[in-house]
PDB file of N, CA and C in Angstrom:
ATOM      1  N   MET A   1      10.276 -26.125   1.111  1.00  0.00           N
ATOM      2  CA  MET A   1      10.703 -24.851   0.262  1.00  0.00           C
ATOM      3  C   MET A   1      12.034 -24.467  -0.696  1.00  0.00           C
ATOM      4  N   ASN A   2      12.954 -24.437  -2.312  1.00  0.00           N
ATOM      5  CA  ASN A   2      14.128 -24.622  -3.286  1.00  0.00           C
ATOM      6  C   ASN A   2      14.547 -22.403  -2.185  1.00  0.00           C
ATOM      7  N   LYS A   3      15.539 -22.818  -2.230  1.00  0.00           N
ATOM      8  CA  LYS A   3      16.796 -21.191  -1.704  1.00  0.00           C
ATOM      9  C   LYS A   3      15.582 -20.344  -2.906  1.00  0.00           C
ATOM     10  N   ILE A   4      15.702 -18.887  -2.221  1.00  0.00           N
ATOM     11  CA  ILE A   4      15.618 -17.488  -3.691  1.00  0.00           C
ATOM     12  C   ILE A   4      16.601 -17.370  -4.255  1.00  0.00           C
ATOM     13  N   PRO A   5      16.109 -18.118  -6.365  1.00  0.00           N
ATOM     14  CA  PRO A   5      17.499 -17.434  -6.811  1.00  0.00           C
ATOM     15  C   PRO A   5      17.081 -15.558  -6.868  1.00  0.00           C
ATOM     16  N   ASP A   6      18.866 -14.886  -7.015  1.00  0.00           N
ATOM     17  CA  ASP A   6      18.967 -13.961  -6.552  1.00  0.00           C
ATOM     18  C   ASP A   6      18.938 -13.461  -8.870  1.00  0.00           C
ATOM     19  N   VAL A   7      17.608 -12.803  -9.063  1.00  0.00           N
ATOM     20  CA  VAL A   7      17.413 -11.876 -10.518  1.00  0.00           C
ATOM     21  C   VAL A   7      17.034 -11.050 -10.603  1.00  0.00           C
ATOM     22  N   VAL A   8      18.754 -10.190  -9.970  1.00  0.00           N
ATOM     23  CA  VAL A   8      18.696  -8.717 -10.349  1.00  0.00           C
ATOM     24  C   VAL A   8      19.726  -9.135 -11.037  1.00  0.00           C
ATOM     25  N   GLY A   9      19.048  -8.023 -12.037  1.00  0.00           N
ATOM     26  CA  GLY A   9      19.648  -7.970 -14.039  1.00  0.00           C
ATOM     27  C   GLY A   9      18.967  -8.305 -15.186  1.00  0.00           C
ATOM     28  N   PHE A  10      18.255  -8.914 -14.461  1.00  0.00           N
ATOM     29  CA  PHE A  10      17.013 -10.417 -15.270  1.00  0.00           C
ATOM     30  C   PHE A  10      15.714  -9.026 -15.980  1.00  0.00           C
ATOM     31  N   GLU A  11      15.864  -9.576 -17.264  1.00  0.00           N
ATOM     32  CA  GLU A  11      14.356  -8.759 -17.452  1.00  0.00           C
ATOM     33  C   GLU A  11      13.533  -9.504 -16.763  1.00  0.00           C
ATOM     34  N   LEU A  12      11.982  -8.330 -16.242  1.00  0.00           N
ATOM     35  CA  LEU A  12      11.479  -9.226 -15.898  1.00  0.00           C
ATOM     36  C   LEU A  12      10.581 -10.684 -15.652  1.00  0.00           C
ATOM     37  N   LYS A  13       9.966 -10.794 -17.513  1.00  0.00           N
ATOM     38  CA  LYS A  13       9.635 -11.829 -17.399  1.00  0.00           C
ATOM     39  C   LYS A  13      10.480 -12.694 -17.468  1.00  0.00           C
ATOM     40  N   ARG A  14      11.489 -12.824 -17.503  1.00  0.00           N
ATOM     41  CA  ARG A  14      12.352 -14.260 -17.215  1.00  0.00           C
ATOM     42  C   ARG A  14      12.641 -14.240 -15.523  1.00  0.00           C
ATOM     43  N   ALA A  15      13.354 -13.201 -15.111  1.00  0.00           N
ATOM     44  CA  ALA A  15      12.934 -13.058 -13.760  1.00  0.00           C
ATOM     45  C   ALA A  15      11.863 -14.086 -13.276  1.00  0.00           C
ATOM     46  N   LEU A  16      10.153 -13.775 -13.824  1.00  0.00           N
ATOM     47  CA  LEU A  16       9.113 -14.175 -12.388  1.00  0.00           C
ATOM     48  C   LEU A  16       9.297 -15.590 -13.080  1.00  0.00           C
ATOM     49  N   GLU A  17       9.618 -15.453 -14.017  1.00  0.00           N
ATOM     50  CA  GLU A  17       9.681 -17.498 -14.743  1.00  0.00           C
ATOM     51  C   GLU A  17      10.470 -18.106 -13.914  1.00  0.00           C
ATOM     52  N   MET A  18      11.207 -18.055 -13.546  1.00  0.00           N
ATOM     53  CA  MET A  18      12.458 -18.030 -12.796  1.00  0.00           C
ATOM     54  C   MET A  18      11.544 -18.550 -11.203  1.00  0.00           C
ATOM     55  N   ILE A  19      11.814 -17.485 -10.839  1.00  0.00           N
ATOM     56  CA  ILE A  19      11.120 -17.663  -9.038  1.00  0.00           C
ATOM     57  C   ILE A  19       9.964 -18.473  -9.122  1.00  0.00           C
ATOM     58  N   GLU A  20      10.408 -19.619  -8.376  1.00  0.00           N
ATOM     59  CA  GLU A  20       9.038 -21.170  -8.427  1.00  0.00           C
ATOM     60  C   GLU A  20       7.452 -20.234  -7.936  1.00  0.00           C
ATOM     61  N   PRO A  21       7.013 -20.672  -8.478  1.00  0.00           N
ATOM     62  CA  PRO A  21       5.360 -20.395  -8.858  1.00  0.00           C
ATOM     63  C   PRO A  21       4.360 -20.484  -6.888  1.00  0.00           C
ATOM     64  N   ASN A  22       5.343 -21.027  -5.265  1.00  0.00           N
ATOM     65  CA  ASN A  22       4.442 -20.872  -4.398  1.00  0.00           C
ATOM     66  C   ASN A  22       5.234 -20.140  -3.868  1.00  0.00           C
ATOM     67  N   TRP A  23       6.022 -18.338  -4.149  1.00  0.00           N
ATOM     68  CA  TRP A  23       6.569 -17.330  -3.714  1.00  0.00           C
ATOM     69  C   TRP A  23       5.470 -16.281  -3.717  1.00  0.00           C
ATOM     70  N   LYS A  24       5.093 -15.293  -3.194  1.00  0.00           N
ATOM     71  CA  LYS A  24       4.410 -14.328  -3.353  1.00  0.00           C
ATOM     72  C   LYS A  24       5.660 -12.937  -4.181  1.00  0.00           C
ATOM     73  N   THR A  25       4.708 -12.691  -5.066  1.00  0.00           N
ATOM     74  CA  THR A  25       5.489 -12.016  -5.393  1.00  0.00           C
ATOM     75  C   THR A  25       5.471 -10.369  -6.012  1.00  0.00           C
ATOM     76  N   SER A  26       6.003  -9.080  -5.571  1.00  0.00           N
ATOM     77  CA  SER A  26       5.121  -7.542  -5.534  1.00  0.00           C
ATOM     78  C   SER A  26       5.837  -7.076  -6.440  1.00  0.00           C
ATOM     79  N   ILE A  27       5.577  -5.666  -7.314  1.00  0.00           N
ATOM     80  CA  ILE A  27       6.188  -5.149  -8.212  1.00  0.00           C
ATOM     81  C   ILE A  27       6.504  -3.595  -7.708  1.00  0.00           C
ATOM     82  N   LYS A  28       7.326  -3.029  -7.771  1.00  0.00           N
ATOM     83  CA  LYS A  28       7.825  -1.503  -8.219  1.00  0.00           C
ATOM     84  C   LYS A  28       8.033  -1.307  -8.387  1.00  0.00           C
ATOM     85  N   GLU A  29       7.596  -0.065  -9.427  1.00  0.00           N
ATOM     86  CA  GLU A  29       8.186   0.161 -11.059  1.00  0.00           C
ATOM     87  C   GLU A  29       9.145   1.757 -10.370  1.00  0.00           C
ATOM     88  N   THR A  30       9.882   2.102 -11.165  1.00  0.00           N
ATOM     89  CA  THR A  30      11.020   3.031 -10.822  1.00  0.00           C
ATOM     90  C   THR A  30      11.861   2.883 -12.043  1.00  0.00           C
ATOM     91  N   ASN A  31      11.424   5.048 -12.745  1.00  0.00           N
ATOM     92  CA  ASN A  31      12.025   5.196 -14.349  1.00  0.00           C
ATOM     93  C   ASN A  31      12.771   6.492 -14.061  1.00  0.00           C
ATOM     94  N   SER A  32      14.232   6.159 -15.013  1.00  0.00           N
ATOM     95  CA  SER A  32      14.460   7.413 -14.300  1.00  0.00           C
ATOM     96  C   SER A  32      14.122   8.819 -15.406  1.00  0.00           C
ATOM     97  N   PRO A  33      14.334  10.023 -14.404  1.00  0.00           N
ATOM     98  CA  PRO A  33      13.687  11.205 -14.751  1.00  0.00           C
ATOM     99  C   PRO A  33      13.759  11.561 -16.190  1.00  0.00           C
ATOM    100  N   LYS A  34      15.253  11.322 -16.673  1.00  0.00           N
ATOM    101  CA  LYS A  34      15.001  11.366 -17.816  1.00  0.00           C
ATOM    102  C   LYS A  34      15.119  11.339 -19.132  1.00  0.00           C
ATOM    103  N   ILE A  35      14.683   9.433 -19.557  1.00  0.00           N
ATOM    104  CA  ILE A  35      13.584   8.959 -20.059  1.00  0.00           C
ATOM    105  C   ILE A  35      12.066   9.400 -20.181  1.00  0.00           C
ATOM    106  N   LYS A  36      11.848   9.922 -21.053  1.00  0.00           N
ATOM    107  CA  LYS A  36      11.736  10.447 -21.740  1.00  0.00           C
ATOM    108  C   LYS A  36       9.629   9.325 -21.971  1.00  0.00           C
ATOM    109  N   GLU A  37       9.774   7.617 -22.073  1.00  0.00           N
ATOM    110  CA  GLU A  37       8.716   6.908 -22.772  1.00  0.00           C
ATOM    111  C   GLU A  37       9.295   5.589 -22.026  1.00  0.00           C
ATOM    112  N   VAL A  38       7.945   5.520 -22.032  1.00  0.00           N
ATOM    113  CA  VAL A  38       8.661   3.699 -20.804  1.00  0.00           C
ATOM    114  C   VAL A  38       8.828   2.840 -22.106  1.00  0.00           C
ATOM    115  N   THR A  39       9.537   2.108 -22.290  1.00  0.00           N
ATOM    116  CA  THR A  39      10.508   0.781 -23.479  1.00  0.00           C
ATOM    117  C   THR A  39      10.093  -0.181 -23.229  1.00  0.00           C
ATOM    118  N   ASP A  40       9.988  -1.788 -23.719  1.00  0.00           N
ATOM    119  CA  ASP A  40      10.062  -2.915 -23.532  1.00  0.00           C
ATOM    120  C   ASP A  40      11.030  -3.387 -22.323  1.00  0.00           C
ATOM    121  N   GLN A  41      12.207  -2.632 -22.578  1.00  0.00           N
ATOM    122  CA  GLN A  41      13.501  -3.264 -22.215  1.00  0.00           C
ATOM    123  C   GLN A  41      12.535  -2.526 -20.058  1.00  0.00           C
ATOM    124  N   CYS A  42      12.669  -3.725 -19.383  1.00  0.00           N
ATOM    125  CA  CYS A  42      12.968  -3.555 -18.441  1.00  0.00           C
ATOM    126  C   CYS A  42      13.630  -4.353 -17.555  1.00  0.00           C
ATOM    127  N   ARG A  43      13.791  -4.112 -16.785  1.00  0.00           N
ATOM    128  CA  ARG A  43      14.608  -4.804 -16.010  1.00  0.00           C
ATOM    129  C   ARG A  43      14.708  -5.421 -13.887  1.00  0.00           C
ATOM    130  N   VAL A  44      14.713  -5.723 -13.660  1.00  0.00           N
ATOM    131  CA  VAL A  44      14.849  -6.070 -12.253  1.00  0.00           C
ATOM    132  C   VAL A  44      16.125  -5.052 -11.457  1.00  0.00           C
ATOM    133  N   ILE A  45      15.748  -4.206 -10.728  1.00  0.00           N
ATOM    134  CA  ILE A  45      17.371  -3.707 -10.376  1.00  0.00           C
ATOM    135  C   ILE A  45      17.065  -3.932  -9.131  1.00  0.00           C
ATOM    136  N   LYS A  46      16.495  -4.103  -8.379  1.00  0.00           N
ATOM    137  CA  LYS A  46      16.338  -5.030  -7.115  1.00  0.00           C
ATOM    138  C   LYS A  46      15.820  -5.291  -6.381  1.00  0.00           C
ATOM    139  N   GLN A  47      16.376  -6.158  -5.188  1.00  0.00           N
ATOM    140  CA  GLN A  47      14.861  -7.354  -5.196  1.00  0.00           C
ATOM    141  C   GLN A  47      15.845  -7.473  -3.567  1.00  0.00           C
ATOM    142  N   LYS A  48      14.012  -7.848  -2.870  1.00  0.00           N
ATOM    143  CA  LYS A  48      14.131  -8.075  -0.921  1.00  0.00           C
ATOM    144  C   LYS A  48      13.189  -8.711  -0.392  1.00  0.00           C
ATOM    145  N   ASN A  49      13.558  -9.866  -0.150  1.00  0.00           N
ATOM    146  CA  ASN A  49      13.940 -11.341   0.293  1.00  0.00           C
ATOM    147  C   ASN A  49      13.264 -11.440   1.219  1.00  0.00           C
ATOM    148  N   MET A  50      12.340 -11.638   1.036  1.00  0.00           N
ATOM    149  CA  MET A  50      10.769 -11.610   2.944  1.00  0.00           C
ATOM    150  C   MET A  50      10.856 -12.793   2.728  1.00  0.00           C
ATOM    151  N   GLU A  51      10.353 -13.396   4.348  1.00  0.00           N
ATOM    152  CA  GLU A  51       9.499 -14.787   3.804  1.00  0.00           C
ATOM    153  C   GLU A  51       8.269 -14.779   3.739  1.00  0.00           C
ATOM    154  N   HIS A  52       8.553 -16.243   2.451  1.00  0.00           N
ATOM    155  CA  HIS A  52       7.268 -16.588   2.256  1.00  0.00           C
ATOM    156  C   HIS A  52       6.709 -14.716   0.585  1.00  0.00           C
ATOM    157  N   HIS A  53       7.998 -13.915  -0.015  1.00  0.00           N
ATOM    158  CA  HIS A  53       7.121 -12.459  -0.200  1.00  0.00           C
ATOM    159  C   HIS A  53       8.813 -12.639  -0.541  1.00  0.00           C
ATOM    160  N   ILE A  54       9.031 -12.421  -2.000  1.00  0.00           N
ATOM    161  CA  ILE A  54       9.607 -11.363  -2.771  1.00  0.00           C
ATOM    162  C   ILE A  54       9.447 -10.076  -3.392  1.00  0.00           C
ATOM    163  N   GLU A  55       9.533  -8.891  -3.389  1.00  0.00           N
ATOM    164  CA  GLU A  55       9.985  -7.465  -3.774  1.00  0.00           C
ATOM    165  C   GLU A  55      10.569  -6.926  -4.571  1.00  0.00           C
ATOM    166  N   LEU A  56      10.628  -6.533  -5.732  1.00  0.00           N
ATOM    167  CA  LEU A  56      11.390  -6.766  -6.749  1.00  0.00           C
ATOM    168  C   LEU A  56      10.031  -4.846  -7.251  1.00  0.00           C
ATOM    169  N   VAL A  57      12.293  -4.426  -7.454  1.00  0.00           N
ATOM    170  CA  VAL A  57      11.765  -3.285  -7.880  1.00  0.00           C
ATOM    171  C   VAL A  57      12.743  -2.627  -8.956  1.00  0.00           C
ATOM    172  N   VAL A  58      11.492  -2.311 -10.800  1.00  0.00           N
ATOM    173  CA  VAL A  58      11.684  -2.993 -11.602  1.00  0.00           C
ATOM    174  C   VAL A  58      11.825  -1.626 -12.709  1.00  0.00           C
ATOM    175  N   SER A  59      13.075  -0.986 -13.884  1.00  0.00           N
ATOM    176  CA  SER A  59      13.043  -0.070 -14.191  1.00  0.00           C
ATOM    177  C   SER A  59      13.116  -0.295 -15.780  1.00  0.00           C
ATOM    178  N   TYR A  60      13.261   0.635 -17.034  1.00  0.00           N
ATOM    179  CA  TYR A  60      12.345   0.229 -18.341  1.00  0.00           C
ATOM    180  C   TYR A  60      13.873   1.213 -18.443  1.00  0.00           C
ATOM    181  N   PHE A  61      14.558   0.205 -19.411  1.00  0.00           N
ATOM    182  CA  PHE A  61      15.794   0.797 -19.949  1.00  0.00           C
ATOM    183  C   PHE A  61      14.973   1.675 -21.319  1.00  0.00           C
TER     184      PHE A  61
END
């Protein structure tokens, strides 16, 4: 199995493309209370690597 890439800062779509298909991935969403509406700009703000699992926290900008 290859090394897990660091995808923090990448747009969610690109981050998921970079992660190999053999990794299980979960996504948690968070929003700033100052943002009133969700935009299309979704980026990874935190990544937690576990055995055969990656948890991504994403936020909309």
